[in-house]
Amino acid sequence: MRKNLYHKIKKFLPYYNEYGFKEGYKIFNKLSSSNWDNIHIYGVKHPVHLRINEKSDLDVFNQVFIEKQYDPNFYKSPKIIIDAGGNVGLFTVLMKNTFPDAEIITIEPDPDNFLMAKKNLQNYPNIKVLNKGLWSNDVRLKILDEDVAKWGIQVVEDNENGKIEAICINTIFKENNFDRIDLLKMDIEGSEKEVFSKNYEDWLPKVKMLIVELHDSMQKDSSRTFFEALNKTWPHYRLFVSGENLVVENLSFK
């Protein structure tokens, strides 16, 4: 009995530390139930929805709202945000509640994740949710392993059999008449190696800030490819680590 109480208190503490007893316990109690629909979060305009049968949803929720791995204080009032690897849309939810005037494009290749992202974002204006993967060209992709957790979906190029459309950032600029991206978040499970390997010279100098999770364990030399592209196009930048993410600010951006 005492041991169970200790473990429950230990699990509750991060929610208490972030939201206080009352609001923290509401979230903790909801996530301890068998229904993860309509989770109300202090400071978030609309409730969020998670899948009870998908543990990675809870992991992403904790990264965004409890561990604050995407602390909005890092960013400087972005007006145009790209959320590549949007999963179920929680990063976009955080950004839209912090920067309500921002225009956001959320990109997610997995169909199930995409539907959850649409559900979580349907009540917010000026958000586009694309069921696509991010790549260096507009090609077709297929999911490498359908059985992995939903936050670890990897894709490969397959123009003959691929069922997923891929979009490149140059196309995003053209289709939306962007002349800049203030904040580009990228958690795309190794596909960042492809994105930064070619066709980045035009768009990368127009990005003010990057949030990138690098996946060398999934794609060898992802970090090397990323920094080679950055060093070719950003003469001056500063970076720091936040959780699993590398946050990089383009100091040459005008």
C-alpha atoms as a PDB file:
ATOM      1  CA  MET A   1       0.000   0.000   0.000  1.00  0.00           C
ATOM      2  CA  ARG A   2       2.703   2.446   1.052  1.00  0.00           C
ATOM      3  CA  LYS A   3       4.848   1.440  -1.923  1.00  0.00           C
ATOM      4  CA  ASN A   4       1.966   2.012  -4.361  1.00  0.00           C
ATOM      5  CA  LEU A   5       1.274   5.416  -2.834  1.00  0.00           C
ATOM      6  CA  TYR A   6       4.937   6.346  -3.149  1.00  0.00           C
ATOM      7  CA  HIS A   7       4.976   5.423  -6.854  1.00  0.00           C
ATOM      8  CA  LYS A   8       1.768   7.354  -7.488  1.00  0.00           C
ATOM      9  CA  ILE A   9       3.149  10.472  -5.789  1.00  0.00           C
ATOM     10  CA  LYS A  10       6.401  10.120  -7.735  1.00  0.00           C
ATOM     11  CA  LYS A  11       4.493   9.970 -11.030  1.00  0.00           C
ATOM     12  CA  PHE A  12       2.344  12.938 -10.030  1.00  0.00           C
ATOM     13  CA  LEU A  13       5.227  15.232  -9.064  1.00  0.00           C
ATOM     14  CA  PRO A  14       6.148  16.415 -12.602  1.00  0.00           C
ATOM     15  CA  TYR A  15       2.524  17.468 -13.175  1.00  0.00           C
ATOM     16  CA  TYR A  16       2.453  19.233  -9.814  1.00  0.00           C
ATOM     17  CA  ASN A  17       5.749  21.003 -10.497  1.00  0.00           C
ATOM     18  CA  GLU A  18       4.503  22.303 -13.844  1.00  0.00           C
ATOM     19  CA  TYR A  19       0.856  23.149 -13.097  1.00  0.00           C
ATOM     20  CA  GLY A  20       0.425  23.167  -9.307  1.00  0.00           C
ATOM     21  CA  PHE A  21      -1.723  20.803  -7.278  1.00  0.00           C
ATOM     22  CA  LYS A  22      -5.206  21.510  -8.662  1.00  0.00           C
ATOM     23  CA  GLU A  23      -4.459  21.749 -12.380  1.00  0.00           C
ATOM     24  CA  GLY A  24      -1.662  19.193 -12.207  1.00  0.00           C
ATOM     25  CA  TYR A  25      -3.892  16.648 -10.526  1.00  0.00           C
ATOM     26  CA  LYS A  26      -6.618  17.151 -13.148  1.00  0.00           C
ATOM     27  CA  ILE A  27      -4.190  16.219 -15.906  1.00  0.00           C
ATOM     28  CA  PHE A  28      -2.582  13.389 -13.930  1.00  0.00           C
ATOM     29  CA  ASN A  29      -5.962  11.935 -12.978  1.00  0.00           C
ATOM     30  CA  LYS A  30      -7.195  12.078 -16.562  1.00  0.00           C
ATOM     31  CA  LEU A  31      -4.075  10.352 -17.870  1.00  0.00           C
ATOM     32  CA  SER A  32      -4.464   7.690 -15.169  1.00  0.00           C
ATOM     33  CA  SER A  33      -7.942   6.855 -16.486  1.00  0.00           C
ATOM     34  CA  SER A  34      -8.976   4.724 -19.464  1.00  0.00           C
ATOM     35  CA  ASN A  35     -10.169   7.735 -21.487  1.00  0.00           C
ATOM     36  CA  TRP A  36      -7.587  10.088 -22.966  1.00  0.00           C
ATOM     37  CA  ASP A  37     -10.065  12.225 -24.898  1.00  0.00           C
ATOM     38  CA  ASN A  38     -10.665  15.845 -23.917  1.00  0.00           C
ATOM     39  CA  ILE A  39      -7.595  16.503 -21.788  1.00  0.00           C
ATOM     40  CA  HIS A  40      -7.852  20.051 -20.457  1.00  0.00           C
ATOM     41  CA  ILE A  41      -4.537  21.842 -19.938  1.00  0.00           C
ATOM     42  CA  TYR A  42      -4.202  25.134 -18.140  1.00  0.00           C
ATOM     43  CA  GLY A  43      -3.440  27.876 -20.669  1.00  0.00           C
ATOM     44  CA  VAL A  44      -4.492  25.780 -23.670  1.00  0.00           C
ATOM     45  CA  LYS A  45      -7.665  26.998 -25.350  1.00  0.00           C
ATOM     46  CA  HIS A  46      -9.043  23.651 -26.536  1.00  0.00           C
ATOM     47  CA  PRO A  47      -8.694  20.165 -25.003  1.00  0.00           C
ATOM     48  CA  VAL A  48      -6.265  17.713 -26.584  1.00  0.00           C
ATOM     49  CA  HIS A  49      -6.905  14.093 -27.472  1.00  0.00           C
ATOM     50  CA  LEU A  50      -4.600  11.102 -27.133  1.00  0.00           C
ATOM     51  CA  ARG A  51      -4.943   7.409 -27.975  1.00  0.00           C
ATOM     52  CA  ILE A  52      -5.149   5.149 -24.939  1.00  0.00           C
ATOM     53  CA  ASN A  53      -3.692   2.254 -26.949  1.00  0.00           C
ATOM     54  CA  GLU A  54      -0.682   4.249 -28.175  1.00  0.00           C
ATOM     55  CA  LYS A  55       1.867   4.790 -25.390  1.00  0.00           C
ATOM     56  CA  SER A  56       3.974   7.108 -27.543  1.00  0.00           C
ATOM     57  CA  ASP A  57       1.135   9.675 -27.417  1.00  0.00           C
ATOM     58  CA  LEU A  58       1.691  10.029 -23.679  1.00  0.00           C
ATOM     59  CA  ASP A  59       5.449  10.282 -24.189  1.00  0.00           C
ATOM     60  CA  VAL A  60       4.975  13.114 -26.697  1.00  0.00           C
ATOM     61  CA  PHE A  61       2.449  14.815 -24.390  1.00  0.00           C
ATOM     62  CA  ASN A  62       4.965  14.774 -21.541  1.00  0.00           C
ATOM     63  CA  GLN A  63       7.752  16.098 -23.780  1.00  0.00           C
ATOM     64  CA  VAL A  64       5.621  19.039 -24.894  1.00  0.00           C
ATOM     65  CA  PHE A  65       3.550  19.966 -21.839  1.00  0.00           C
ATOM     66  CA  ILE A  66       5.387  18.571 -18.796  1.00  0.00           C
ATOM     67  CA  GLU A  67       9.109  18.445 -19.607  1.00  0.00           C
ATOM     68  CA  LYS A  68       8.837  21.624 -21.732  1.00  0.00           C
ATOM     69  CA  GLN A  69      11.344  20.413 -24.304  1.00  0.00           C
ATOM     70  CA  TYR A  70       9.869  23.038 -26.644  1.00  0.00           C
ATOM     71  CA  ASP A  71       9.812  25.938 -24.213  1.00  0.00           C
ATOM     72  CA  PRO A  72       8.180  28.854 -26.103  1.00  0.00           C
ATOM     73  CA  ASN A  73      10.467  31.296 -24.295  1.00  0.00           C
ATOM     74  CA  PHE A  74      13.202  30.170 -26.679  1.00  0.00           C
ATOM     75  CA  TYR A  75      11.460  31.664 -29.706  1.00  0.00           C
ATOM     76  CA  LYS A  76      10.980  35.266 -30.790  1.00  0.00           C
ATOM     77  CA  SER A  77       7.317  35.826 -31.726  1.00  0.00           C
ATOM     78  CA  PRO A  78       7.374  33.665 -34.866  1.00  0.00           C
ATOM     79  CA  LYS A  79       4.782  34.469 -37.526  1.00  0.00           C
ATOM     80  CA  ILE A  80       5.412  31.484 -39.810  1.00  0.00           C
ATOM     81  CA  ILE A  81       6.001  28.056 -38.240  1.00  0.00           C
ATOM     82  CA  ILE A  82       6.553  24.675 -39.880  1.00  0.00           C
ATOM     83  CA  ASP A  83       6.022  21.578 -37.728  1.00  0.00           C
ATOM     84  CA  ALA A  84       7.621  18.723 -39.665  1.00  0.00           C
ATOM     85  CA  GLY A  85       7.000  15.387 -38.022  1.00  0.00           C
ATOM     86  CA  GLY A  86       3.865  16.769 -36.393  1.00  0.00           C
ATOM     87  CA  ASN A  87       2.795  13.453 -34.841  1.00  0.00           C
ATOM     88  CA  VAL A  88      -0.621  14.152 -33.221  1.00  0.00           C
ATOM     89  CA  GLY A  89      -0.201  17.935 -33.369  1.00  0.00           C
ATOM     90  CA  LEU A  90       0.841  18.739 -29.792  1.00  0.00           C
ATOM     91  CA  PHE A  91       3.804  20.967 -30.688  1.00  0.00           C
ATOM     92  CA  THR A  92       1.485  22.920 -32.976  1.00  0.00           C
ATOM     93  CA  VAL A  93      -1.085  23.198 -30.165  1.00  0.00           C
ATOM     94  CA  LEU A  94       1.584  24.671 -27.880  1.00  0.00           C
ATOM     95  CA  MET A  95       2.809  27.106 -30.514  1.00  0.00           C
ATOM     96  CA  LYS A  96      -0.691  28.247 -31.514  1.00  0.00           C
ATOM     97  CA  ASN A  97      -1.664  28.932 -27.908  1.00  0.00           C
ATOM     98  CA  THR A  98       1.564  30.851 -27.312  1.00  0.00           C
ATOM     99  CA  PHE A  99       1.643  32.663 -30.654  1.00  0.00           C
ATOM    100  CA  PRO A 100      -2.039  32.868 -31.729  1.00  0.00           C
ATOM    101  CA  ASP A 101      -1.325  35.044 -34.777  1.00  0.00           C
ATOM    102  CA  ALA A 102       1.176  32.581 -36.239  1.00  0.00           C
ATOM    103  CA  GLU A 103       0.509  30.769 -39.501  1.00  0.00           C
ATOM    104  CA  ILE A 104       1.435  27.100 -39.040  1.00  0.00           C
ATOM    105  CA  ILE A 105       1.878  24.179 -41.419  1.00  0.00           C
ATOM    106  CA  THR A 106       1.955  20.770 -39.750  1.00  0.00           C
ATOM    107  CA  ILE A 107       3.367  17.870 -41.762  1.00  0.00           C
ATOM    108  CA  GLU A 108       2.822  14.232 -40.736  1.00  0.00           C
ATOM    109  CA  PRO A 109       3.248  11.174 -43.004  1.00  0.00           C
ATOM    110  CA  ASP A 110       1.540   8.489 -40.889  1.00  0.00           C
ATOM    111  CA  PRO A 111      -2.224   8.351 -41.649  1.00  0.00           C
ATOM    112  CA  ASP A 112      -3.278   7.550 -38.063  1.00  0.00           C
ATOM    113  CA  ASN A 113      -1.125  10.295 -36.574  1.00  0.00           C
ATOM    114  CA  PHE A 114      -2.435  12.684 -39.235  1.00  0.00           C
ATOM    115  CA  LEU A 115      -6.064  12.027 -38.268  1.00  0.00           C
ATOM    116  CA  MET A 116      -5.269  12.653 -34.596  1.00  0.00           C
ATOM    117  CA  ALA A 117      -3.437  15.859 -35.510  1.00  0.00           C
ATOM    118  CA  LYS A 118      -6.495  17.020 -37.484  1.00  0.00           C
ATOM    119  CA  LYS A 119      -8.666  16.304 -34.443  1.00  0.00           C
ATOM    120  CA  ASN A 120      -6.378  18.218 -32.089  1.00  0.00           C
ATOM    121  CA  LEU A 121      -6.033  21.211 -34.414  1.00  0.00           C
ATOM    122  CA  GLN A 122      -9.490  21.520 -35.966  1.00  0.00           C
ATOM    123  CA  ASN A 123     -10.602  24.385 -33.709  1.00  0.00           C
ATOM    124  CA  TYR A 124      -7.599  26.613 -34.404  1.00  0.00           C
ATOM    125  CA  PRO A 125      -7.395  29.074 -37.325  1.00  0.00           C
ATOM    126  CA  ASN A 126      -4.534  29.486 -39.812  1.00  0.00           C
ATOM    127  CA  ILE A 127      -3.220  25.935 -39.524  1.00  0.00           C
ATOM    128  CA  LYS A 128      -2.701  23.589 -42.467  1.00  0.00           C
ATOM    129  CA  VAL A 129      -2.253  19.899 -41.687  1.00  0.00           C
ATOM    130  CA  LEU A 130      -0.629  17.891 -44.483  1.00  0.00           C
ATOM    131  CA  ASN A 131      -0.593  14.096 -44.641  1.00  0.00           C
ATOM    132  CA  LYS A 132       2.852  14.126 -46.213  1.00  0.00           C
ATOM    133  CA  GLY A 133       6.464  13.443 -45.425  1.00  0.00           C
ATOM    134  CA  LEU A 134       9.238  16.034 -45.596  1.00  0.00           C
ATOM    135  CA  TRP A 135      11.951  15.251 -48.145  1.00  0.00           C
ATOM    136  CA  SER A 136      14.485  16.948 -50.417  1.00  0.00           C
ATOM    137  CA  ASN A 137      12.170  16.602 -53.452  1.00  0.00           C
ATOM    138  CA  ASP A 138       8.470  16.116 -54.122  1.00  0.00           C
ATOM    139  CA  VAL A 139       8.446  12.323 -54.436  1.00  0.00           C
ATOM    140  CA  ARG A 140       6.530   9.368 -52.990  1.00  0.00           C
ATOM    141  CA  LEU A 141       7.437   7.539 -49.798  1.00  0.00           C
ATOM    142  CA  LYS A 142       6.559   4.345 -48.012  1.00  0.00           C
ATOM    143  CA  ILE A 143       6.662   3.541 -44.309  1.00  0.00           C
ATOM    144  CA  LEU A 144       9.618   1.323 -43.521  1.00  0.00           C
ATOM    145  CA  ASP A 145       8.070  -0.573 -40.589  1.00  0.00           C
ATOM    146  CA  GLU A 146       4.339  -0.393 -39.854  1.00  0.00           C
ATOM    147  CA  ASP A 147       4.764  -2.023 -36.431  1.00  0.00           C
ATOM    148  CA  VAL A 148       6.943   0.558 -34.688  1.00  0.00           C
ATOM    149  CA  ALA A 149       5.551   3.029 -32.152  1.00  0.00           C
ATOM    150  CA  LYS A 150       3.716   5.908 -33.801  1.00  0.00           C
ATOM    151  CA  TRP A 151       6.359   8.450 -32.784  1.00  0.00           C
ATOM    152  CA  GLY A 152       9.111   6.433 -34.515  1.00  0.00           C
ATOM    153  CA  ILE A 153       7.708   6.159 -38.039  1.00  0.00           C
ATOM    154  CA  GLN A 154      10.479   6.037 -40.676  1.00  0.00           C
ATOM    155  CA  VAL A 155       9.928   6.500 -44.393  1.00  0.00           C
ATOM    156  CA  VAL A 156      11.965   5.735 -47.503  1.00  0.00           C
ATOM    157  CA  GLU A 157      11.636   6.972 -51.059  1.00  0.00           C
ATOM    158  CA  ASP A 158       9.632   4.646 -53.315  1.00  0.00           C
ATOM    159  CA  ASN A 159       8.133   6.327 -56.368  1.00  0.00           C
ATOM    160  CA  GLU A 160       6.659   3.075 -57.699  1.00  0.00           C
ATOM    161  CA  ASN A 161       4.928   1.675 -54.618  1.00  0.00           C
ATOM    162  CA  GLY A 162       4.949   4.509 -52.098  1.00  0.00           C
ATOM    163  CA  LYS A 163       1.525   5.607 -50.852  1.00  0.00           C
ATOM    164  CA  ILE A 164       2.707   8.760 -49.058  1.00  0.00           C
ATOM    165  CA  GLU A 165       3.329  12.056 -50.813  1.00  0.00           C
ATOM    166  CA  ALA A 166       6.517  13.880 -49.910  1.00  0.00           C
ATOM    167  CA  ILE A 167       6.950  17.621 -50.028  1.00  0.00           C
ATOM    168  CA  CYS A 168      10.148  19.634 -49.989  1.00  0.00           C
ATOM    169  CA  ILE A 169      10.574  22.983 -48.286  1.00  0.00           C
ATOM    170  CA  ASN A 170      11.117  24.777 -51.604  1.00  0.00           C
ATOM    171  CA  THR A 171       7.600  23.690 -52.583  1.00  0.00           C
ATOM    172  CA  ILE A 172       6.218  24.905 -49.247  1.00  0.00           C
ATOM    173  CA  PHE A 173       7.729  28.327 -49.933  1.00  0.00           C
ATOM    174  CA  LYS A 174       6.232  28.447 -53.450  1.00  0.00           C
ATOM    175  CA  GLU A 175       2.762  27.144 -52.597  1.00  0.00           C
ATOM    176  CA  ASN A 176       2.344  29.524 -49.664  1.00  0.00           C
ATOM    177  CA  ASN A 177       4.161  32.577 -51.066  1.00  0.00           C
ATOM    178  CA  PHE A 178       6.519  32.577 -48.095  1.00  0.00           C
ATOM    179  CA  ASP A 179       9.642  34.700 -48.127  1.00  0.00           C
ATOM    180  CA  ARG A 180      10.801  33.358 -44.755  1.00  0.00           C
ATOM    181  CA  ILE A 181      10.178  30.741 -42.086  1.00  0.00           C
ATOM    182  CA  ASP A 182      10.540  32.014 -38.538  1.00  0.00           C
ATOM    183  CA  LEU A 183      10.532  28.624 -36.857  1.00  0.00           C
ATOM    184  CA  LEU A 184      11.151  25.226 -38.449  1.00  0.00           C
ATOM    185  CA  LYS A 185      10.710  22.275 -36.110  1.00  0.00           C
ATOM    186  CA  MET A 186      11.884  18.962 -37.505  1.00  0.00           C
ATOM    187  CA  ASP A 187      11.498  15.578 -35.801  1.00  0.00           C
ATOM    188  CA  ILE A 188      11.327  13.256 -38.790  1.00  0.00           C
ATOM    189  CA  GLU A 189      13.055  10.084 -37.625  1.00  0.00           C
ATOM    190  CA  GLY A 190      16.172  10.164 -39.782  1.00  0.00           C
ATOM    191  CA  SER A 191      14.651  11.854 -42.850  1.00  0.00           C
ATOM    192  CA  GLU A 192      16.521  15.012 -41.828  1.00  0.00           C
ATOM    193  CA  LYS A 193      19.590  13.497 -43.503  1.00  0.00           C
ATOM    194  CA  GLU A 194      17.763  13.545 -46.835  1.00  0.00           C
ATOM    195  CA  VAL A 195      16.328  17.047 -46.289  1.00  0.00           C
ATOM    196  CA  PHE A 196      19.756  18.549 -45.572  1.00  0.00           C
ATOM    197  CA  SER A 197      21.654  16.521 -48.166  1.00  0.00           C
ATOM    198  CA  LYS A 198      20.508  18.466 -51.258  1.00  0.00           C
ATOM    199  CA  ASN A 199      18.232  21.248 -52.555  1.00  0.00           C
ATOM    200  CA  TYR A 200      18.588  23.223 -49.314  1.00  0.00           C
ATOM    201  CA  GLU A 201      20.700  26.111 -50.605  1.00  0.00           C
ATOM    202  CA  ASP A 202      17.728  28.325 -51.523  1.00  0.00           C
ATOM    203  CA  TRP A 203      15.449  27.804 -48.536  1.00  0.00           C
ATOM    204  CA  LEU A 204      17.787  27.264 -45.563  1.00  0.00           C
ATOM    205  CA  PRO A 205      19.124  30.883 -45.494  1.00  0.00           C
ATOM    206  CA  LYS A 206      15.478  32.030 -45.205  1.00  0.00           C
ATOM    207  CA  VAL A 207      14.926  30.179 -41.918  1.00  0.00           C
ATOM    208  CA  LYS A 208      15.313  32.147 -38.685  1.00  0.00           C
ATOM    209  CA  MET A 209      15.325  29.295 -36.167  1.00  0.00           C
ATOM    210  CA  LEU A 210      15.569  25.501 -36.299  1.00  0.00           C
ATOM    211  CA  ILE A 211      14.495  22.915 -33.750  1.00  0.00           C
ATOM    212  CA  VAL A 212      15.879  19.579 -34.895  1.00  0.00           C
ATOM    213  CA  GLU A 213      16.099  16.130 -33.373  1.00  0.00           C
ATOM    214  CA  LEU A 214      18.960  14.310 -35.074  1.00  0.00           C
ATOM    215  CA  HIS A 215      18.740  10.536 -35.494  1.00  0.00           C
ATOM    216  CA  ASP A 216      22.183   9.132 -36.253  1.00  0.00           C
ATOM    217  CA  SER A 217      21.073   5.792 -34.830  1.00  0.00           C
ATOM    218  CA  MET A 218      18.465   5.578 -37.617  1.00  0.00           C
ATOM    219  CA  GLN A 219      20.442   7.234 -40.414  1.00  0.00           C
ATOM    220  CA  LYS A 220      24.211   7.210 -40.213  1.00  0.00           C
ATOM    221  CA  ASP A 221      25.858  10.643 -40.511  1.00  0.00           C
ATOM    222  CA  SER A 222      22.610  12.583 -40.065  1.00  0.00           C
ATOM    223  CA  SER A 223      24.384  15.035 -37.755  1.00  0.00           C
ATOM    224  CA  ARG A 224      27.323  15.475 -40.108  1.00  0.00           C
ATOM    225  CA  THR A 225      24.978  16.122 -43.062  1.00  0.00           C
ATOM    226  CA  PHE A 226      22.972  18.630 -41.030  1.00  0.00           C
ATOM    227  CA  PHE A 227      25.985  20.639 -39.866  1.00  0.00           C
ATOM    228  CA  GLU A 228      27.589  20.629 -43.309  1.00  0.00           C
ATOM    229  CA  ALA A 229      24.437  22.211 -44.750  1.00  0.00           C
ATOM    230  CA  LEU A 230      24.213  24.677 -41.867  1.00  0.00           C
ATOM    231  CA  ASN A 231      27.836  25.752 -42.148  1.00  0.00           C
ATOM    232  CA  LYS A 232      27.460  26.344 -45.898  1.00  0.00           C
ATOM    233  CA  THR A 233      24.400  28.577 -45.562  1.00  0.00           C
ATOM    234  CA  TRP A 234      24.462  30.169 -42.084  1.00  0.00           C
ATOM    235  CA  PRO A 235      27.654  32.228 -41.602  1.00  0.00           C
ATOM    236  CA  HIS A 236      26.769  32.949 -37.966  1.00  0.00           C
ATOM    237  CA  TYR A 237      24.550  30.978 -35.609  1.00  0.00           C
ATOM    238  CA  ARG A 238      24.184  29.956 -32.000  1.00  0.00           C
ATOM    239  CA  LEU A 239      22.826  26.714 -30.649  1.00  0.00           C
ATOM    240  CA  PHE A 240      21.825  24.943 -27.461  1.00  0.00           C
ATOM    241  CA  VAL A 241      20.236  21.651 -26.460  1.00  0.00           C
ATOM    242  CA  SER A 242      16.724  21.323 -25.071  1.00  0.00           C
ATOM    243  CA  GLY A 243      15.778  17.767 -24.145  1.00  0.00           C
ATOM    244  CA  GLU A 244      16.274  15.663 -27.261  1.00  0.00           C
ATOM    245  CA  ASN A 245      16.324  18.703 -29.528  1.00  0.00           C
ATOM    246  CA  LEU A 246      18.992  20.960 -30.947  1.00  0.00           C
ATOM    247  CA  VAL A 247      17.815  24.586 -31.108  1.00  0.00           C
ATOM    248  CA  VAL A 248      19.727  26.728 -33.595  1.00  0.00           C
ATOM    249  CA  GLU A 249      19.247  30.445 -34.272  1.00  0.00           C
ATOM    250  CA  ASN A 250      20.371  31.974 -37.547  1.00  0.00           C
ATOM    251  CA  LEU A 251      22.245  35.122 -36.527  1.00  0.00           C
ATOM    252  CA  SER A 252      22.780  36.051 -40.193  1.00  0.00           C
ATOM    253  CA  PHE A 253      19.033  36.217 -40.836  1.00  0.00           C
ATOM    254  CA  LYS A 254      17.783  39.618 -41.986  1.00  0.00           C
END
